[in-house]
Amino acid sequence: MRRALCVGIDLYTIGALRGCVSDAERMAGLLAKHEDGTPNCDCRTLKATLDGKGDKIGRAELRKAVKDLFAHPAEVALLHFSGHGTVNDLDGYLVTQDAAAYDEGLAMSEVLKMANDSKTEEVVIFLDCCHAGNLGNPPVANNARAMLREGVSILTASRGDQVSVESDGAGLFTSLVADALDGGAADLVGDVTAPAIYALVEAALGAWDQRPLFKSHVSKVVPLRKCKAPIDIVILRELPALFPVPAEDLMLSPECEATCEKKDDEKHKMFCKLQALNRIHLVVPVGVEHMYDAAMQSKACRLTAAGRYYWRLARDKRL
């Protein structure tokens, strides 16, 4: 079982926002299903809309929703919060609609405690708010030691002393995370993981932009969503058959090519698979630029470093 809670607060008395509800809606839409339409997470959304007709999200309501998310065992529990964040000498806070001086909202340390105490195998927390990087830092201590139990990962829009920005009616961080979940961070078998999402987000933000933060304590990486793979996994599983010795070149011949008068059907089928592997940079021709030229000139092709990695996965039946 997988659960996700997506929270977006646009309506604040301290300063309205305009992208948080749409952030929550997009995240919930992506997490509810894998790309092929099969169910993924059982999603709940809390949305405080600018027209005042949405959910009331005070500290008590947010605390209960987060507590419910982590209350029962699950394979994955995912929390996404988009709204205001603040920090003081004691803690960082997810700002709720009833925020007041010295009572800003739900403390990040409380969120982390609920995550750490939960029986959920994997917990992933996305925070698109200012000062979100404080989650995982000890309160009343300005250091970077993350207090996470095994199985917890945190991705935040900014570090503890930074603000987050909106872009085109949505949070910049959430827009990048959503693009990653939508396939931008998928690997060659279509899996989207938290580390891959962070890598995409981090690369997209420049040195002068808000800097995302990733904290994780895991012994395995669990896919958060499955997208369409760029290659048929059956071909990946055939790598050991195509390259019996991964470090050795594989000789080609004109008979591999469909345009050759002496085309060999079996060699052509093999060559089509090699071309598919070449398109995703697992196989490269030797001495020429294109696989076609390698075949027509009776040259060779070989596995790249990434190709040898997937060769080992296929050999060990991990694909």
Protein backbone atom coordinates (compact mmCIF):
# COMPACT_ATOMS: atom_id res chain seq x y z
CA MET A 1 0.00 0.00 0.00
CA ARG A 2 1.18 3.50 -0.88
CA ARG A 3 -0.20 6.75 0.51
CA ALA A 4 0.40 10.39 -0.39
CA LEU A 5 -0.71 13.63 1.25
CA CYS A 6 -0.44 16.75 -0.91
CA VAL A 7 -1.02 20.09 0.82
CA GLY A 8 -1.29 23.46 -0.90
CA ILE A 9 -2.08 26.73 0.91
CA ASP A 10 -2.69 29.85 -1.18
CA LEU A 11 -4.98 31.68 1.26
CA TYR A 12 -3.07 33.35 4.09
CA THR A 13 -3.78 36.48 6.09
CA ILE A 14 -0.03 37.10 6.28
CA GLY A 15 0.38 37.18 2.51
CA ALA A 16 -1.44 35.17 -0.14
CA LEU A 17 0.33 32.83 -2.53
CA ARG A 18 -0.79 31.79 -5.99
CA GLY A 19 0.88 28.54 -6.93
CA CYS A 20 0.52 26.23 -3.95
CA VAL A 21 -2.90 24.74 -4.66
CA SER A 22 -1.95 24.01 -8.26
CA ASP A 23 1.26 22.42 -6.94
CA ALA A 24 -0.73 20.06 -4.71
CA GLU A 25 -3.14 19.19 -7.51
CA ARG A 26 -0.38 18.40 -9.99
CA MET A 27 1.58 16.31 -7.51
CA ALA A 28 -1.51 14.33 -6.50
CA GLY A 29 -2.41 13.75 -10.15
CA LEU A 30 1.03 12.35 -10.91
CA LEU A 31 1.36 10.25 -7.77
CA ALA A 32 -2.09 8.66 -8.04
CA LYS A 33 -1.15 6.65 -11.13
CA HIS A 34 1.89 5.36 -12.94
CA GLU A 35 2.28 6.55 -16.52
CA ASP A 36 0.53 3.46 -17.87
CA GLY A 37 -2.53 4.23 -15.75
CA THR A 38 -2.07 1.55 -13.10
CA PRO A 39 -2.71 2.70 -9.50
CA ASN A 40 0.22 4.06 -7.52
CA CYS A 41 -0.55 6.10 -4.39
CA ASP A 42 -3.84 6.55 -2.58
CA CYS A 43 -3.74 10.35 -2.56
CA ARG A 44 -5.36 12.85 -0.24
CA THR A 45 -5.19 16.58 -0.96
CA LEU A 46 -5.69 19.56 1.32
CA LYS A 47 -6.20 22.78 -0.62
CA ALA A 48 -6.73 26.25 0.82
CA THR A 49 -7.87 28.20 -2.23
CA LEU A 50 -7.87 31.98 -2.63
CA ASP A 51 -11.67 32.10 -2.93
CA GLY A 52 -12.01 30.75 0.60
CA LYS A 53 -14.07 27.76 -0.55
CA GLY A 54 -11.33 25.21 -0.07
CA ASP A 55 -10.13 23.35 2.99
CA LYS A 56 -9.37 25.06 6.27
CA ILE A 57 -5.77 24.20 7.03
CA GLY A 58 -4.87 25.28 10.52
CA ARG A 59 -2.14 23.76 12.62
CA ALA A 60 -4.51 21.18 14.13
CA GLU A 61 -5.84 20.13 10.72
CA LEU A 62 -2.37 19.82 9.23
CA ARG A 63 -1.06 17.91 12.23
CA LYS A 64 -3.97 15.43 12.05
CA ALA A 65 -3.52 14.92 8.31
CA VAL A 66 0.20 14.25 8.68
CA LYS A 67 -0.44 11.97 11.66
CA ASP A 68 -3.01 10.01 9.63
CA LEU A 69 -0.52 9.70 6.77
CA PHE A 70 2.01 8.01 9.01
CA ALA A 71 -0.43 6.21 11.34
CA HIS A 72 -0.51 2.80 9.66
CA PRO A 73 2.15 0.60 8.04
CA ALA A 74 2.64 1.09 4.31
CA GLU A 75 5.23 0.48 1.64
CA VAL A 76 5.56 4.21 0.91
CA ALA A 77 4.15 7.33 2.57
CA LEU A 78 4.78 10.59 0.72
CA LEU A 79 4.16 14.11 2.03
CA HIS A 80 4.18 17.18 -0.20
CA PHE A 81 3.69 20.64 1.31
CA SER A 82 3.53 23.86 -0.69
CA GLY A 83 2.99 27.08 1.23
CA HIS A 84 4.75 29.51 3.53
CA GLY A 85 7.61 28.40 5.72
CA THR A 86 9.36 30.26 8.50
CA VAL A 87 12.08 29.79 11.06
CA ASN A 88 12.99 31.11 14.49
CA ASP A 89 15.61 30.32 17.12
CA LEU A 90 13.75 27.17 18.14
CA ASP A 91 12.61 25.47 14.94
CA GLY A 92 11.40 25.72 11.38
CA TYR A 93 7.65 25.73 10.72
CA LEU A 94 5.18 24.82 7.99
CA VAL A 95 3.03 27.92 8.22
CA THR A 96 -0.70 27.24 8.51
CA GLN A 97 -3.68 29.53 7.96
CA ASP A 98 -4.10 30.25 11.66
CA ALA A 99 -0.49 31.36 12.08
CA ALA A 100 0.16 33.99 14.74
CA ALA A 101 3.18 35.44 16.46
CA TYR A 102 5.01 32.71 18.38
CA ASP A 103 2.54 30.15 16.97
CA GLU A 104 3.47 29.98 13.31
CA GLY A 105 2.22 26.53 12.40
CA LEU A 106 3.34 22.92 12.46
CA ALA A 107 6.93 22.54 13.64
CA MET A 108 9.23 20.75 11.22
CA SER A 109 10.68 18.79 14.13
CA GLU A 110 7.18 17.46 14.86
CA VAL A 111 6.73 16.38 11.25
CA LEU A 112 10.08 14.62 11.36
CA LYS A 113 9.23 12.87 14.63
CA MET A 114 6.00 11.52 13.15
CA ALA A 115 7.92 10.31 10.10
CA ASN A 116 10.64 8.70 12.20
CA ASP A 117 8.12 7.01 14.51
CA SER A 118 5.97 5.62 11.69
CA LYS A 119 5.95 1.96 10.68
CA THR A 120 6.06 2.89 7.00
CA GLU A 121 8.94 1.27 5.13
CA GLU A 122 9.82 4.33 3.05
CA VAL A 123 8.93 7.93 3.86
CA VAL A 124 9.54 10.71 1.33
CA ILE A 125 8.89 14.35 2.20
CA PHE A 126 8.82 17.20 -0.35
CA LEU A 127 8.72 20.72 1.09
CA ASP A 128 8.25 23.67 -1.25
CA CYS A 129 8.48 26.54 1.22
CA CYS A 130 10.99 29.00 2.58
CA HIS A 131 13.54 27.70 5.10
CA ALA A 132 12.49 24.08 4.42
CA GLY A 133 16.07 22.90 4.76
CA ASN A 134 15.67 23.07 8.54
CA LEU A 135 13.73 19.79 8.46
CA GLY A 136 16.12 17.16 9.73
CA ASN A 137 18.35 19.56 11.64
CA PRO A 138 18.31 19.42 15.45
CA PRO A 139 16.37 22.34 16.95
CA VAL A 140 18.39 24.90 18.90
CA ALA A 141 21.51 23.81 17.07
CA ASN A 142 22.81 25.34 13.90
CA ASN A 143 24.45 22.36 12.26
CA ALA A 144 23.81 20.13 9.27
CA ARG A 145 23.49 16.79 11.10
CA ALA A 146 20.34 15.14 9.79
CA MET A 147 18.32 13.10 12.28
CA LEU A 148 16.62 10.56 10.04
CA ARG A 149 15.76 6.97 10.78
CA GLU A 150 16.41 4.42 8.06
CA GLY A 151 13.89 4.69 5.25
CA VAL A 152 13.31 8.46 5.44
CA SER A 153 14.21 10.88 2.64
CA ILE A 154 13.63 14.64 2.53
CA LEU A 155 13.78 16.93 -0.51
CA THR A 156 13.36 20.63 0.15
CA ALA A 157 13.07 23.64 -2.12
CA SER A 158 15.76 25.59 -0.30
CA ARG A 159 18.25 25.46 2.50
CA GLY A 160 17.45 26.51 6.04
CA ASP A 161 18.42 30.14 5.44
CA GLN A 162 16.91 30.56 1.96
CA VAL A 163 13.55 31.55 0.52
CA SER A 164 11.70 29.72 -2.25
CA VAL A 165 10.25 31.27 -5.39
CA GLU A 166 7.18 30.93 -7.58
CA SER A 167 7.35 30.80 -11.36
CA ASP A 168 4.45 30.92 -13.86
CA GLY A 169 1.83 30.39 -11.16
CA ALA A 170 3.53 27.44 -9.49
CA GLY A 171 6.39 26.79 -7.12
CA LEU A 172 9.62 26.48 -9.06
CA PHE A 173 10.74 23.53 -6.96
CA THR A 174 7.45 21.65 -7.31
CA SER A 175 7.38 22.30 -11.06
CA LEU A 176 10.77 20.63 -11.37
CA VAL A 177 9.80 17.76 -9.06
CA ALA A 178 6.61 17.18 -11.05
CA ASP A 179 8.53 17.19 -14.33
CA ALA A 180 10.89 14.62 -12.83
CA LEU A 181 7.97 12.42 -11.77
CA ASP A 182 6.45 12.83 -15.22
CA GLY A 183 9.41 11.01 -16.75
CA GLY A 184 12.20 13.56 -16.66
CA ALA A 185 14.09 11.60 -14.00
CA ALA A 186 13.12 8.09 -15.14
CA ASP A 187 15.91 5.57 -15.60
CA LEU A 188 16.19 3.05 -18.43
CA VAL A 189 13.55 0.78 -16.91
CA GLY A 190 11.20 3.71 -16.24
CA ASP A 191 11.70 4.03 -12.48
CA VAL A 192 11.66 7.49 -10.88
CA THR A 193 13.41 7.62 -7.49
CA ALA A 194 14.02 10.34 -4.92
CA PRO A 195 17.78 10.63 -5.66
CA ALA A 196 17.04 10.94 -9.38
CA ILE A 197 14.47 13.66 -8.70
CA TYR A 198 16.98 15.60 -6.63
CA ALA A 199 19.65 15.25 -9.33
CA LEU A 200 17.29 16.74 -11.92
CA VAL A 201 16.15 19.59 -9.65
CA GLU A 202 19.68 20.42 -8.51
CA ALA A 203 20.98 20.52 -12.08
CA ALA A 204 18.16 22.80 -13.20
CA LEU A 205 18.84 25.48 -10.58
CA GLY A 206 21.85 27.71 -11.03
CA ALA A 207 24.43 28.83 -8.51
CA TRP A 208 22.53 32.09 -7.93
CA ASP A 209 19.15 30.41 -7.47
CA GLN A 210 17.58 28.82 -4.41
CA ARG A 211 19.51 25.64 -3.64
CA PRO A 212 17.50 22.47 -3.03
CA LEU A 213 18.49 20.13 -0.23
CA PHE A 214 18.35 16.32 -0.14
CA LYS A 215 18.68 14.32 3.07
CA SER A 216 18.27 10.57 3.05
CA HIS A 217 18.94 7.53 5.21
CA VAL A 218 18.08 4.50 3.12
CA SER A 219 19.48 1.05 2.45
CA LYS A 220 17.48 0.64 -0.75
CA VAL A 221 15.99 2.99 -3.31
CA VAL A 222 12.26 2.58 -3.90
CA PRO A 223 10.67 3.86 -7.13
CA LEU A 224 8.11 6.59 -6.44
CA ARG A 225 6.54 6.31 -9.90
CA LYS A 226 6.96 4.21 -13.01
CA CYS A 227 7.10 5.85 -16.44
CA LYS A 228 7.44 4.53 -19.96
CA ALA A 229 10.94 3.14 -20.43
CA PRO A 230 12.97 4.36 -23.43
CA ILE A 231 13.67 0.75 -24.42
CA ASP A 232 11.91 -2.59 -24.13
CA ILE A 233 13.20 -4.26 -20.97
CA VAL A 234 13.35 -7.54 -22.89
CA ILE A 235 16.22 -6.10 -24.93
CA LEU A 236 18.06 -5.05 -21.78
CA ARG A 237 17.71 -8.58 -20.44
CA GLU A 238 19.31 -9.91 -23.63
CA LEU A 239 22.55 -7.97 -23.10
CA PRO A 240 24.49 -11.04 -21.82
CA ALA A 241 23.37 -13.00 -24.88
CA LEU A 242 24.39 -10.20 -27.25
CA PHE A 243 27.74 -9.66 -25.50
CA PRO A 244 28.89 -12.96 -23.92
CA VAL A 245 32.04 -11.16 -22.71
CA PRO A 246 31.16 -7.56 -21.81
CA ALA A 247 34.67 -6.18 -22.34
CA GLU A 248 34.99 -7.60 -25.86
CA ASP A 249 33.87 -5.92 -29.09
CA LEU A 250 31.08 -7.44 -31.16
CA MET A 251 31.88 -7.67 -34.86
CA LEU A 252 29.26 -6.53 -37.37
CA SER A 253 28.85 -7.18 -41.08
CA PRO A 254 26.85 -5.78 -44.02
CA GLU A 255 24.41 -8.69 -43.68
CA CYS A 256 23.10 -6.99 -40.51
CA GLU A 257 21.69 -4.07 -42.51
CA ALA A 258 18.22 -4.15 -44.07
CA THR A 259 19.51 -2.41 -47.22
CA CYS A 260 22.11 -5.09 -47.93
CA GLU A 261 21.27 -7.45 -50.80
CA LYS A 262 22.63 -10.34 -48.74
CA LYS A 263 20.73 -9.40 -45.60
CA ASP A 264 20.62 -12.16 -42.99
CA ASP A 265 17.33 -12.11 -41.06
CA GLU A 266 18.81 -13.28 -37.76
CA LYS A 267 21.71 -10.84 -37.96
CA HIS A 268 19.28 -8.05 -38.84
CA LYS A 269 17.12 -8.80 -35.79
CA MET A 270 20.22 -8.67 -33.61
CA PHE A 271 21.32 -5.42 -35.26
CA CYS A 272 17.95 -3.79 -34.58
CA LYS A 273 18.43 -4.54 -30.89
CA LEU A 274 21.94 -3.12 -30.99
CA GLN A 275 20.65 0.04 -32.64
CA ALA A 276 18.05 0.42 -29.90
CA LEU A 277 20.81 0.06 -27.31
CA ASN A 278 22.89 2.61 -29.19
CA ARG A 279 20.07 5.17 -29.03
CA ILE A 280 20.18 5.07 -25.23
CA HIS A 281 24.00 5.14 -25.14
CA LEU A 282 24.58 1.59 -23.92
CA VAL A 283 26.31 0.51 -27.14
CA VAL A 284 28.60 2.53 -29.44
CA PRO A 285 30.18 1.77 -32.82
CA VAL A 286 33.96 1.43 -32.94
CA GLY A 287 35.93 3.66 -35.31
CA VAL A 288 32.90 5.26 -36.98
CA GLU A 289 30.12 7.58 -35.90
CA HIS A 290 27.05 5.54 -36.82
CA MET A 291 25.99 1.94 -36.32
CA TYR A 292 25.01 1.74 -40.01
CA ASP A 293 28.58 2.56 -41.04
CA ALA A 294 29.98 0.03 -38.58
CA ALA A 295 27.85 -2.70 -40.16
CA MET A 296 28.50 -1.73 -43.78
CA GLN A 297 32.27 -1.45 -43.15
CA SER A 298 32.44 -4.70 -41.14
CA LYS A 299 33.56 -2.88 -38.02
CA ALA A 300 32.58 -3.56 -34.41
CA CYS A 301 30.46 -2.15 -31.62
CA ARG A 302 31.00 -2.30 -27.87
CA LEU A 303 29.29 -1.70 -24.56
CA THR A 304 29.72 1.65 -22.85
CA ALA A 305 30.38 1.84 -19.12
CA ALA A 306 26.63 2.24 -18.61
CA GLY A 307 26.08 -0.69 -20.94
CA ARG A 308 28.36 -2.88 -18.82
CA TYR A 309 26.42 -1.81 -15.72
CA TYR A 310 23.12 -2.92 -17.23
CA TRP A 311 24.83 -6.07 -18.56
CA ARG A 312 25.66 -7.01 -14.96
CA LEU A 313 22.10 -6.31 -13.85
CA ALA A 314 20.79 -8.53 -16.63
CA ARG A 315 23.29 -11.29 -15.86
CA ASP A 316 22.31 -11.25 -12.20
CA LYS A 317 18.59 -11.21 -13.12
CA ARG A 318 17.99 -7.84 -11.47
CA LEU A 319 16.03 -6.39 -14.37
